[in-house]
Amino acid sequence: MFIFSFFYIVISSEIHWFKSKIINFAAVLKVDYAY
């Protein structure tokens, strides 16, 4: 159970980091298209 929860925390943190990277990339693209 402990290993499962550990993997769940790692995967969820990775997904959160990936989402933030996508949001930052989209924001940069919006800025590029605005100018």
PDB file of N, CA and C in Angstrom:
ATOM      1  N   MET A   1       0.833  -1.193   0.000  1.00  0.00           N
ATOM      2  CA  MET A   1       0.000   0.000   0.000  1.00  0.00           C
ATOM      3  C   MET A   1       0.873   1.249   0.000  1.00  0.00           C
ATOM      4  N   PHE A   2       1.944   1.205   0.790  1.00  0.00           N
ATOM      5  CA  PHE A   2       2.817   2.380   0.859  1.00  0.00           C
ATOM      6  C   PHE A   2       3.447   2.673  -0.500  1.00  0.00           C
ATOM      7  N   ILE A   3       3.885   1.613  -1.191  1.00  0.00           N
ATOM      8  CA  ILE A   3       4.511   1.805  -2.503  1.00  0.00           C
ATOM      9  C   ILE A   3       3.495   2.387  -3.484  1.00  0.00           C
ATOM     10  N   PHE A   4       2.266   1.900  -3.424  1.00  0.00           N
ATOM     11  CA  PHE A   4       1.232   2.402  -4.326  1.00  0.00           C
ATOM     12  C   PHE A   4       0.989   3.894  -4.098  1.00  0.00           C
ATOM     13  N   SER A   5       0.886   4.285  -2.820  1.00  0.00           N
ATOM     14  CA  SER A   5       0.645   5.697  -2.526  1.00  0.00           C
ATOM     15  C   SER A   5       1.848   6.543  -2.956  1.00  0.00           C
ATOM     16  N   PHE A   6       3.051   6.000  -2.800  1.00  0.00           N
ATOM     17  CA  PHE A   6       4.245   6.734  -3.215  1.00  0.00           C
ATOM     18  C   PHE A   6       4.222   6.976  -4.718  1.00  0.00           C
ATOM     19  N   PHE A   7       3.905   5.919  -5.492  1.00  0.00           N
ATOM     20  CA  PHE A   7       3.830   6.076  -6.945  1.00  0.00           C
ATOM     21  C   PHE A   7       2.714   7.051  -7.324  1.00  0.00           C
ATOM     22  N   TYR A   8       1.603   7.004  -6.605  1.00  0.00           N
ATOM     23  CA  TYR A   8       0.494   7.921  -6.895  1.00  0.00           C
ATOM     24  C   TYR A   8       0.926   9.373  -6.694  1.00  0.00           C
ATOM     25  N   ILE A   9       1.674   9.634  -5.622  1.00  0.00           N
ATOM     26  CA  ILE A   9       2.149  11.001  -5.358  1.00  0.00           C
ATOM     27  C   ILE A   9       3.109  11.445  -6.454  1.00  0.00           C
ATOM     28  N   VAL A  10       4.021  10.561  -6.850  1.00  0.00           N
ATOM     29  CA  VAL A  10       5.001  10.913  -7.885  1.00  0.00           C
ATOM     30  C   VAL A  10       4.299  11.191  -9.214  1.00  0.00           C
ATOM     31  N   ILE A  11       3.377  10.312  -9.594  1.00  0.00           N
ATOM     32  CA  ILE A  11       2.689  10.484 -10.878  1.00  0.00           C
ATOM     33  C   ILE A  11       1.832  11.744 -10.866  1.00  0.00           C
ATOM     34  N   SER A  12       1.132  11.999  -9.769  1.00  0.00           N
ATOM     35  CA  SER A  12       0.281  13.189  -9.710  1.00  0.00           C
ATOM     36  C   SER A  12       1.136  14.460  -9.769  1.00  0.00           C
ATOM     37  N   SER A  13       2.286  14.452  -9.121  1.00  0.00           N
ATOM     38  CA  SER A  13       3.156  15.629  -9.171  1.00  0.00           C
ATOM     39  C   SER A  13       3.707  15.817 -10.579  1.00  0.00           C
ATOM     40  N   GLU A  14       4.037  14.715 -11.261  1.00  0.00           N
ATOM     41  CA  GLU A  14       4.526  14.811 -12.637  1.00  0.00           C
ATOM     42  C   GLU A  14       3.440  15.376 -13.549  1.00  0.00           C
ATOM     43  N   ILE A  15       2.196  14.926 -13.359  1.00  0.00           N
ATOM     44  CA  ILE A  15       1.093  15.432 -14.189  1.00  0.00           C
ATOM     45  C   ILE A  15       0.880  16.913 -13.919  1.00  0.00           C
ATOM     46  N   HIS A  16       0.979  17.323 -12.661  1.00  0.00           N
ATOM     47  CA  HIS A  16       0.809  18.733 -12.320  1.00  0.00           C
ATOM     48  C   HIS A  16       1.911  19.564 -12.986  1.00  0.00           C
ATOM     49  N   TRP A  17       3.158  19.077 -12.971  1.00  0.00           N
ATOM     50  CA  TRP A  17       4.272  19.793 -13.598  1.00  0.00           C
ATOM     51  C   TRP A  17       4.052  19.882 -15.106  1.00  0.00           C
ATOM     52  N   PHE A  18       3.584  18.772 -15.698  1.00  0.00           N
ATOM     53  CA  PHE A  18       3.338  18.754 -17.145  1.00  0.00           C
ATOM     54  C   PHE A  18       2.243  19.745 -17.519  1.00  0.00           C
ATOM     55  N   LYS A  19       1.179  19.798 -16.706  1.00  0.00           N
ATOM     56  CA  LYS A  19       0.090  20.740 -16.988  1.00  0.00           C
ATOM     57  C   LYS A  19       0.587  22.173 -16.897  1.00  0.00           C
ATOM     58  N   SER A  20       1.401  22.471 -15.891  1.00  0.00           N
ATOM     59  CA  SER A  20       1.905  23.839 -15.749  1.00  0.00           C
ATOM     60  C   SER A  20       2.792  24.206 -16.929  1.00  0.00           C
ATOM     61  N   LYS A  21       3.594  23.217 -17.420  1.00  0.00           N
ATOM     62  CA  LYS A  21       4.439  23.490 -18.584  1.00  0.00           C
ATOM     63  C   LYS A  21       3.581  23.781 -19.809  1.00  0.00           C
ATOM     64  N   ILE A  22       2.495  23.020 -19.990  1.00  0.00           N
ATOM     65  CA  ILE A  22       1.610  23.249 -21.145  1.00  0.00           C
ATOM     66  C   ILE A  22       0.947  24.619 -21.038  1.00  0.00           C
ATOM     67  N   ILE A  23       0.522  24.990 -19.824  1.00  0.00           N
ATOM     68  CA  ILE A  23      -0.129  26.292 -19.632  1.00  0.00           C
ATOM     69  C   ILE A  23       0.871  27.418 -19.922  1.00  0.00           C
ATOM     70  N   ASN A  24       2.101  27.272 -19.457  1.00  0.00           N
ATOM     71  CA  ASN A  24       3.118  28.303 -19.722  1.00  0.00           C
ATOM     72  C   ASN A  24       3.399  28.398 -21.218  1.00  0.00           C
ATOM     73  N   PHE A  25       3.482  27.248 -21.897  1.00  0.00           N
ATOM     74  CA  PHE A  25       3.743  27.241 -23.333  1.00  0.00           C
ATOM     75  C   PHE A  25       2.605  27.912 -24.090  1.00  0.00           C
ATOM     76  N   ALA A  26       1.365  27.624 -23.686  1.00  0.00           N
ATOM     77  CA  ALA A  26       0.206  28.244 -24.339  1.00  0.00           C
ATOM     78  C   ALA A  26       0.217  29.758 -24.101  1.00  0.00           C
ATOM     79  N   ALA A  27       0.613  30.175 -22.902  1.00  0.00           N
ATOM     80  CA  ALA A  27       0.670  31.608 -22.611  1.00  0.00           C
ATOM     81  C   ALA A  27       1.723  32.280 -23.484  1.00  0.00           C
ATOM     82  N   VAL A  28       2.851  31.625 -23.683  1.00  0.00           N
ATOM     83  CA  VAL A  28       3.900  32.188 -24.544  1.00  0.00           C
ATOM     84  C   VAL A  28       3.397  32.283 -25.980  1.00  0.00           C
ATOM     85  N   LEU A  29       2.678  31.257 -26.430  1.00  0.00           N
ATOM     86  CA  LEU A  29       2.146  31.294 -27.797  1.00  0.00           C
ATOM     87  C   LEU A  29       1.136  32.428 -27.948  1.00  0.00           C
ATOM     88  N   LYS A  30       0.292  32.628 -26.935  1.00  0.00           N
ATOM     89  CA  LYS A  30      -0.688  33.715 -27.004  1.00  0.00           C
ATOM     90  C   LYS A  30       0.031  35.061 -27.087  1.00  0.00           C
ATOM     91  N   VAL A  31       1.097  35.213 -26.322  1.00  0.00           N
ATOM     92  CA  VAL A  31       1.859  36.470 -26.356  1.00  0.00           C
ATOM     93  C   VAL A  31       2.475  36.651 -27.740  1.00  0.00           C
ATOM     94  N   ASP A  32       3.004  35.561 -28.322  1.00  0.00           N
ATOM     95  CA  ASP A  32       3.606  35.662 -29.645  1.00  0.00           C
ATOM     96  C   ASP A  32       2.554  36.042 -30.687  1.00  0.00           C
ATOM     97  N   TYR A  33       1.366  35.454 -30.572  1.00  0.00           N
ATOM     98  CA  TYR A  33       0.318  35.774 -31.551  1.00  0.00           C
ATOM     99  C   TYR A  33      -0.216  37.190 -31.338  1.00  0.00           C
ATOM    100  N   ALA A  34      -0.172  37.675 -30.104  1.00  0.00           N
ATOM    101  CA  ALA A  34      -0.693  39.014 -29.837  1.00  0.00           C
ATOM    102  C   ALA A  34       0.194  40.070 -30.489  1.00  0.00           C
ATOM    103  N   TYR A  35       1.494  39.820 -30.509  1.00  0.00           N
ATOM    104  CA  TYR A  35       2.406  40.812 -31.091  1.00  0.00           C
ATOM    105  C   TYR A  35       2.827  40.499 -32.504  1.00  0.00           C
TER     106      TYR A  35
END
